[in-house]
Amino acid sequence: MNQKLLIVDDEVHIRMLIEQTLEDLEDEGVELLFADNGQSALDIIETEKPNLVFLDVMMPKMNGMEVCQKVKKELKMDGVYIILLTAKGQELDRQKGMEMGANRYMTKPFDPEEMLEVAEEVLKIS
């Protein structure tokens, strides 16, 4: 079964950077999906049911925290592994993200190698 990974960020250069970081996963049969705001992210999550989502927190239309809460608390989509990406590394933000149902939290600027390792770990790619 093909796995899907959704990259959500309102800044195009960050989406491209994450795509470049993770494009090797496509060789493993992982389909990369993209969204540039929270609302379209939510729509894609509902229709495509990605295995993993790298979700930016600060976004227009609906922020990452709200998307995360809807997916985990309202839609009860526990099979979707959500990693919040944020420039805010404060403990309070981290706690709030976890309360919203996030599986993990990464601070920008992120380490591409760490991001790839986490993706491989979640998608069980060796």
N, C-alpha and C. Protein backbone atom coordinates (compact mmCIF):
# COMPACT_ATOMS: atom_id res chain seq x y z
N MET A 1 0.83 -1.20 0.00
CA MET A 1 0.00 0.00 0.00
C MET A 1 0.86 1.25 0.00
N ASN A 2 0.54 2.17 -0.88
CA ASN A 2 1.32 3.39 -0.95
C ASN A 2 1.06 4.29 0.25
N GLN A 3 2.14 4.85 0.75
CA GLN A 3 2.00 5.76 1.87
C GLN A 3 1.98 7.19 1.34
N LYS A 4 1.33 8.06 2.12
CA LYS A 4 1.23 9.45 1.71
C LYS A 4 1.77 10.35 2.80
N LEU A 5 2.44 11.41 2.37
CA LEU A 5 3.02 12.36 3.30
C LEU A 5 2.58 13.75 2.84
N LEU A 6 1.99 14.49 3.75
CA LEU A 6 1.49 15.84 3.43
C LEU A 6 2.38 16.90 4.05
N ILE A 7 2.81 17.85 3.22
CA ILE A 7 3.65 18.96 3.68
C ILE A 7 2.79 20.22 3.64
N VAL A 8 2.64 20.87 4.79
CA VAL A 8 1.78 22.05 4.87
C VAL A 8 2.56 23.24 5.39
N ASP A 9 2.70 24.27 4.55
CA ASP A 9 3.34 25.51 4.96
C ASP A 9 2.89 26.61 4.01
N ASP A 10 2.64 27.79 4.54
CA ASP A 10 2.17 28.87 3.67
C ASP A 10 3.33 29.55 2.94
N GLU A 11 4.57 29.24 3.30
CA GLU A 11 5.72 29.84 2.62
C GLU A 11 6.27 28.85 1.60
N VAL A 12 6.24 29.27 0.34
CA VAL A 12 6.60 28.36 -0.75
C VAL A 12 8.04 27.85 -0.62
N HIS A 13 8.97 28.70 -0.18
CA HIS A 13 10.36 28.24 -0.10
C HIS A 13 10.55 27.18 0.98
N ILE A 14 9.75 27.26 2.02
CA ILE A 14 9.85 26.24 3.08
C ILE A 14 9.26 24.92 2.57
N ARG A 15 8.14 25.00 1.84
CA ARG A 15 7.56 23.78 1.25
C ARG A 15 8.58 23.12 0.32
N MET A 16 9.26 23.94 -0.48
CA MET A 16 10.24 23.39 -1.41
C MET A 16 11.42 22.75 -0.68
N LEU A 17 11.84 23.40 0.40
CA LEU A 17 12.95 22.88 1.19
C LEU A 17 12.59 21.52 1.80
N ILE A 18 11.36 21.42 2.32
CA ILE A 18 10.92 20.15 2.91
C ILE A 18 10.79 19.10 1.80
N GLU A 19 10.28 19.53 0.65
CA GLU A 19 10.14 18.59 -0.47
C GLU A 19 11.51 18.04 -0.87
N GLN A 20 12.50 18.93 -0.99
CA GLN A 20 13.85 18.49 -1.36
C GLN A 20 14.40 17.53 -0.31
N THR A 21 14.10 17.83 0.96
CA THR A 21 14.57 16.98 2.05
C THR A 21 13.98 15.58 1.97
N LEU A 22 12.71 15.50 1.57
CA LEU A 22 11.99 14.23 1.63
C LEU A 22 11.76 13.55 0.29
N GLU A 23 12.26 14.16 -0.81
CA GLU A 23 11.93 13.61 -2.13
C GLU A 23 12.47 12.19 -2.36
N ASP A 24 13.52 11.80 -1.65
CA ASP A 24 14.04 10.44 -1.79
C ASP A 24 13.02 9.40 -1.34
N LEU A 25 12.08 9.81 -0.49
CA LEU A 25 11.06 8.89 0.00
C LEU A 25 10.17 8.42 -1.16
N GLU A 26 10.11 9.23 -2.22
CA GLU A 26 9.28 8.85 -3.37
C GLU A 26 9.81 7.57 -4.00
N ASP A 27 11.13 7.34 -3.90
CA ASP A 27 11.72 6.10 -4.41
C ASP A 27 11.22 4.90 -3.61
N GLU A 28 10.75 5.17 -2.38
CA GLU A 28 10.23 4.11 -1.51
C GLU A 28 8.71 3.95 -1.67
N GLY A 29 8.15 4.66 -2.65
CA GLY A 29 6.72 4.56 -2.90
C GLY A 29 5.87 5.52 -2.08
N VAL A 30 6.50 6.52 -1.49
CA VAL A 30 5.74 7.50 -0.70
C VAL A 30 5.30 8.64 -1.61
N GLU A 31 4.01 8.95 -1.57
CA GLU A 31 3.47 10.05 -2.38
C GLU A 31 3.52 11.33 -1.55
N LEU A 32 4.12 12.38 -2.12
CA LEU A 32 4.20 13.67 -1.42
C LEU A 32 3.03 14.55 -1.85
N LEU A 33 2.32 15.08 -0.86
CA LEU A 33 1.18 15.98 -1.10
C LEU A 33 1.52 17.33 -0.47
N PHE A 34 0.89 18.40 -0.99
CA PHE A 34 1.20 19.74 -0.50
C PHE A 34 -0.04 20.58 -0.26
N ALA A 35 0.04 21.45 0.76
CA ALA A 35 -1.03 22.42 1.00
C ALA A 35 -0.38 23.71 1.49
N ASP A 36 -1.01 24.84 1.16
CA ASP A 36 -0.41 26.11 1.57
C ASP A 36 -1.24 26.87 2.60
N ASN A 37 -2.29 26.23 3.11
CA ASN A 37 -3.03 26.84 4.23
C ASN A 37 -3.75 25.73 4.99
N GLY A 38 -4.23 26.07 6.17
CA GLY A 38 -4.84 25.09 7.04
C GLY A 38 -6.11 24.46 6.49
N GLN A 39 -6.92 25.27 5.79
CA GLN A 39 -8.17 24.73 5.27
C GLN A 39 -7.93 23.68 4.19
N SER A 40 -7.03 23.98 3.27
CA SER A 40 -6.78 22.99 2.22
C SER A 40 -6.07 21.77 2.81
N ALA A 41 -5.26 21.98 3.85
CA ALA A 41 -4.62 20.85 4.53
C ALA A 41 -5.68 19.91 5.09
N LEU A 42 -6.67 20.49 5.74
CA LEU A 42 -7.74 19.69 6.34
C LEU A 42 -8.51 18.91 5.27
N ASP A 43 -8.80 19.58 4.14
CA ASP A 43 -9.50 18.92 3.04
C ASP A 43 -8.69 17.72 2.52
N ILE A 44 -7.38 17.94 2.35
CA ILE A 44 -6.52 16.87 1.84
C ILE A 44 -6.44 15.72 2.85
N ILE A 45 -6.33 16.06 4.13
CA ILE A 45 -6.24 15.03 5.16
C ILE A 45 -7.52 14.17 5.15
N GLU A 46 -8.67 14.82 5.00
CA GLU A 46 -9.94 14.08 4.99
C GLU A 46 -10.07 13.17 3.77
N THR A 47 -9.63 13.65 2.59
CA THR A 47 -9.81 12.86 1.38
C THR A 47 -8.68 11.85 1.15
N GLU A 48 -7.43 12.27 1.39
CA GLU A 48 -6.29 11.43 1.07
C GLU A 48 -5.82 10.54 2.24
N LYS A 49 -6.19 10.94 3.46
CA LYS A 49 -5.76 10.22 4.67
C LYS A 49 -4.26 9.91 4.68
N PRO A 50 -3.44 10.96 4.68
CA PRO A 50 -1.99 10.73 4.67
C PRO A 50 -1.52 10.04 5.96
N ASN A 51 -0.42 9.30 5.85
CA ASN A 51 0.13 8.62 7.01
C ASN A 51 0.86 9.60 7.92
N LEU A 52 1.44 10.62 7.29
CA LEU A 52 2.27 11.58 8.02
C LEU A 52 2.02 12.99 7.51
N VAL A 53 1.94 13.94 8.44
CA VAL A 53 1.75 15.34 8.06
C VAL A 53 2.78 16.21 8.78
N PHE A 54 3.54 16.97 8.00
CA PHE A 54 4.41 18.01 8.56
C PHE A 54 3.59 19.28 8.45
N LEU A 55 3.17 19.81 9.60
CA LEU A 55 2.17 20.88 9.64
C LEU A 55 2.71 22.15 10.28
N ASP A 56 2.79 23.20 9.49
CA ASP A 56 3.23 24.50 9.99
C ASP A 56 2.15 25.04 10.94
N VAL A 57 2.58 25.74 11.99
CA VAL A 57 1.61 26.27 12.95
C VAL A 57 1.04 27.61 12.49
N MET A 58 1.89 28.54 12.10
CA MET A 58 1.44 29.88 11.75
C MET A 58 1.03 29.94 10.27
N MET A 59 -0.29 29.89 10.04
CA MET A 59 -0.80 29.91 8.67
C MET A 59 -2.11 30.65 8.56
N PRO A 60 -2.43 31.14 7.32
CA PRO A 60 -3.72 31.80 7.11
C PRO A 60 -4.87 30.78 7.07
N LYS A 61 -6.09 31.29 7.17
CA LYS A 61 -7.35 30.53 7.09
C LYS A 61 -7.59 29.61 8.28
N MET A 62 -6.58 28.88 8.70
CA MET A 62 -6.73 28.00 9.86
C MET A 62 -5.31 27.63 10.25
N ASN A 63 -4.93 27.85 11.51
CA ASN A 63 -3.56 27.54 11.87
C ASN A 63 -3.36 26.05 12.14
N GLY A 64 -2.10 25.65 12.26
CA GLY A 64 -1.76 24.26 12.43
C GLY A 64 -2.38 23.63 13.67
N MET A 65 -2.47 24.43 14.74
CA MET A 65 -3.07 23.91 15.98
C MET A 65 -4.53 23.53 15.74
N GLU A 66 -5.25 24.41 15.02
CA GLU A 66 -6.68 24.15 14.75
C GLU A 66 -6.85 22.93 13.85
N VAL A 67 -6.00 22.83 12.83
CA VAL A 67 -6.07 21.68 11.93
C VAL A 67 -5.84 20.40 12.73
N CYS A 68 -4.80 20.43 13.55
CA CYS A 68 -4.45 19.27 14.37
C CYS A 68 -5.61 18.87 15.28
N GLN A 69 -6.20 19.85 15.92
CA GLN A 69 -7.32 19.58 16.83
C GLN A 69 -8.50 18.95 16.08
N LYS A 70 -8.82 19.50 14.90
CA LYS A 70 -9.94 18.97 14.12
C LYS A 70 -9.67 17.52 13.70
N VAL A 71 -8.46 17.26 13.19
CA VAL A 71 -8.12 15.92 12.72
C VAL A 71 -8.16 14.91 13.85
N LYS A 72 -7.54 15.27 14.98
CA LYS A 72 -7.40 14.31 16.07
C LYS A 72 -8.61 14.23 17.00
N LYS A 73 -9.19 15.38 17.34
CA LYS A 73 -10.26 15.40 18.33
C LYS A 73 -11.66 15.25 17.72
N GLU A 74 -11.87 15.89 16.55
CA GLU A 74 -13.20 15.84 15.95
C GLU A 74 -13.35 14.68 14.96
N LEU A 75 -12.38 14.55 14.07
CA LEU A 75 -12.46 13.48 13.06
C LEU A 75 -11.93 12.15 13.59
N LYS A 76 -11.25 12.21 14.74
CA LYS A 76 -10.71 11.00 15.39
C LYS A 76 -9.82 10.18 14.44
N MET A 77 -9.02 10.90 13.65
CA MET A 77 -8.13 10.23 12.70
C MET A 77 -6.78 9.95 13.36
N ASP A 78 -6.76 8.93 14.21
CA ASP A 78 -5.55 8.61 14.96
C ASP A 78 -4.45 8.04 14.09
N GLY A 79 -4.82 7.53 12.91
CA GLY A 79 -3.83 6.96 12.01
C GLY A 79 -2.97 7.99 11.31
N VAL A 80 -3.34 9.27 11.46
CA VAL A 80 -2.57 10.34 10.83
C VAL A 80 -1.55 10.86 11.86
N TYR A 81 -0.28 10.70 11.54
CA TYR A 81 0.79 11.13 12.45
C TYR A 81 1.11 12.59 12.12
N ILE A 82 0.89 13.48 13.09
CA ILE A 82 1.08 14.91 12.84
C ILE A 82 2.29 15.46 13.57
N ILE A 83 3.17 16.10 12.80
CA ILE A 83 4.34 16.77 13.37
C ILE A 83 4.15 18.26 13.14
N LEU A 84 4.04 19.01 14.21
CA LEU A 84 3.88 20.47 14.10
C LEU A 84 5.25 21.10 13.87
N LEU A 85 5.30 22.02 12.90
CA LEU A 85 6.53 22.76 12.62
C LEU A 85 6.29 24.20 13.04
N THR A 86 7.18 24.73 13.85
CA THR A 86 6.97 26.10 14.29
C THR A 86 8.26 26.81 14.60
N ALA A 87 8.22 28.13 14.41
CA ALA A 87 9.37 28.95 14.75
C ALA A 87 9.38 29.19 16.25
N LYS A 88 8.26 28.90 16.89
CA LYS A 88 8.15 29.11 18.34
C LYS A 88 8.58 27.85 19.08
N GLY A 89 9.69 27.93 19.76
CA GLY A 89 10.16 26.75 20.47
C GLY A 89 9.81 26.76 21.94
N GLN A 90 8.98 27.71 22.38
CA GLN A 90 8.65 27.81 23.80
C GLN A 90 7.90 26.59 24.27
N GLU A 91 8.16 26.23 25.50
CA GLU A 91 7.56 25.05 26.11
C GLU A 91 6.03 25.12 26.10
N LEU A 92 5.50 26.32 26.30
CA LEU A 92 4.05 26.51 26.34
C LEU A 92 3.42 26.11 25.00
N ASP A 93 4.05 26.54 23.90
CA ASP A 93 3.55 26.21 22.57
C ASP A 93 3.61 24.71 22.35
N ARG A 94 4.71 24.12 22.81
CA ARG A 94 4.89 22.69 22.66
C ARG A 94 3.78 21.93 23.38
N GLN A 95 3.50 22.36 24.61
CA GLN A 95 2.44 21.71 25.39
C GLN A 95 1.09 21.86 24.70
N LYS A 96 0.82 23.07 24.20
CA LYS A 96 -0.45 23.32 23.55
C LYS A 96 -0.59 22.41 22.32
N GLY A 97 0.50 22.30 21.57
CA GLY A 97 0.49 21.45 20.38
C GLY A 97 0.19 20.01 20.73
N MET A 98 0.79 19.52 21.80
CA MET A 98 0.57 18.15 22.23
C MET A 98 -0.88 17.96 22.71
N GLU A 99 -1.40 18.99 23.38
CA GLU A 99 -2.80 18.92 23.84
C GLU A 99 -3.77 18.85 22.67
N MET A 100 -3.41 19.48 21.56
CA MET A 100 -4.26 19.47 20.37
C MET A 100 -4.20 18.13 19.65
N GLY A 101 -3.30 17.26 20.12
CA GLY A 101 -3.22 15.93 19.52
C GLY A 101 -2.01 15.68 18.65
N ALA A 102 -1.09 16.67 18.58
CA ALA A 102 0.12 16.46 17.76
C ALA A 102 0.92 15.29 18.31
N ASN A 103 1.54 14.54 17.39
CA ASN A 103 2.36 13.41 17.81
C ASN A 103 3.78 13.87 18.13
N ARG A 104 4.16 14.99 17.53
CA ARG A 104 5.53 15.45 17.70
C ARG A 104 5.61 16.92 17.34
N TYR A 105 6.72 17.54 17.71
CA TYR A 105 6.89 18.96 17.57
C TYR A 105 8.29 19.22 17.06
N MET A 106 8.46 19.95 15.98
CA MET A 106 9.79 20.30 15.49
C MET A 106 9.89 21.81 15.35
N THR A 107 11.03 22.36 15.74
CA THR A 107 11.23 23.80 15.70
C THR A 107 12.00 24.20 14.44
N LYS A 108 11.55 25.29 13.83
CA LYS A 108 12.26 25.85 12.68
C LYS A 108 13.40 26.73 13.21
N PRO A 109 14.50 26.86 12.52
CA PRO A 109 14.82 26.10 11.31
C PRO A 109 15.10 24.65 11.68
N PHE A 110 14.52 23.72 10.92
CA PHE A 110 14.68 22.31 11.25
C PHE A 110 15.92 21.74 10.58
N ASP A 111 16.37 20.65 11.11
CA ASP A 111 17.52 19.94 10.57
C ASP A 111 17.00 18.94 9.55
N PRO A 112 17.36 19.11 8.26
CA PRO A 112 16.83 18.23 7.21
C PRO A 112 17.08 16.75 7.50
N GLU A 113 18.25 16.42 8.01
CA GLU A 113 18.55 15.01 8.30
C GLU A 113 17.62 14.45 9.36
N GLU A 114 17.36 15.27 10.39
CA GLU A 114 16.46 14.83 11.45
C GLU A 114 15.05 14.63 10.89
N MET A 115 14.64 15.56 10.02
CA MET A 115 13.31 15.48 9.43
C MET A 115 13.15 14.20 8.61
N LEU A 116 14.17 13.87 7.82
CA LEU A 116 14.13 12.66 7.01
C LEU A 116 14.11 11.42 7.90
N GLU A 117 14.93 11.43 8.95
CA GLU A 117 14.97 10.30 9.88
C GLU A 117 13.61 10.07 10.53
N VAL A 118 12.99 11.16 10.97
CA VAL A 118 11.68 11.06 11.62
C VAL A 118 10.65 10.51 10.63
N ALA A 119 10.67 11.02 9.39
CA ALA A 119 9.73 10.55 8.37
C ALA A 119 9.93 9.05 8.10
N GLU A 120 11.18 8.63 7.99
CA GLU A 120 11.46 7.22 7.73
C GLU A 120 11.00 6.34 8.90
N GLU A 121 11.19 6.87 10.10
CA GLU A 121 10.80 6.15 11.30
C GLU A 121 9.27 5.98 11.36
N VAL A 122 8.55 7.07 11.13
CA VAL A 122 7.09 7.04 11.18
C VAL A 122 6.52 6.16 10.07
N LEU A 123 7.10 6.25 8.88
CA LEU A 123 6.61 5.49 7.74
C LEU A 123 7.20 4.07 7.68
N LYS A 124 8.04 3.77 8.68
CA LYS A 124 8.69 2.45 8.78
C LYS A 124 9.48 2.09 7.52
N ILE A 125 10.31 3.06 7.09
CA ILE A 125 11.18 2.83 5.95
C ILE A 125 12.59 2.68 6.49
N SER A 126 13.25 1.59 6.15
CA SER A 126 14.60 1.40 6.70
C SER A 126 15.64 1.88 5.70
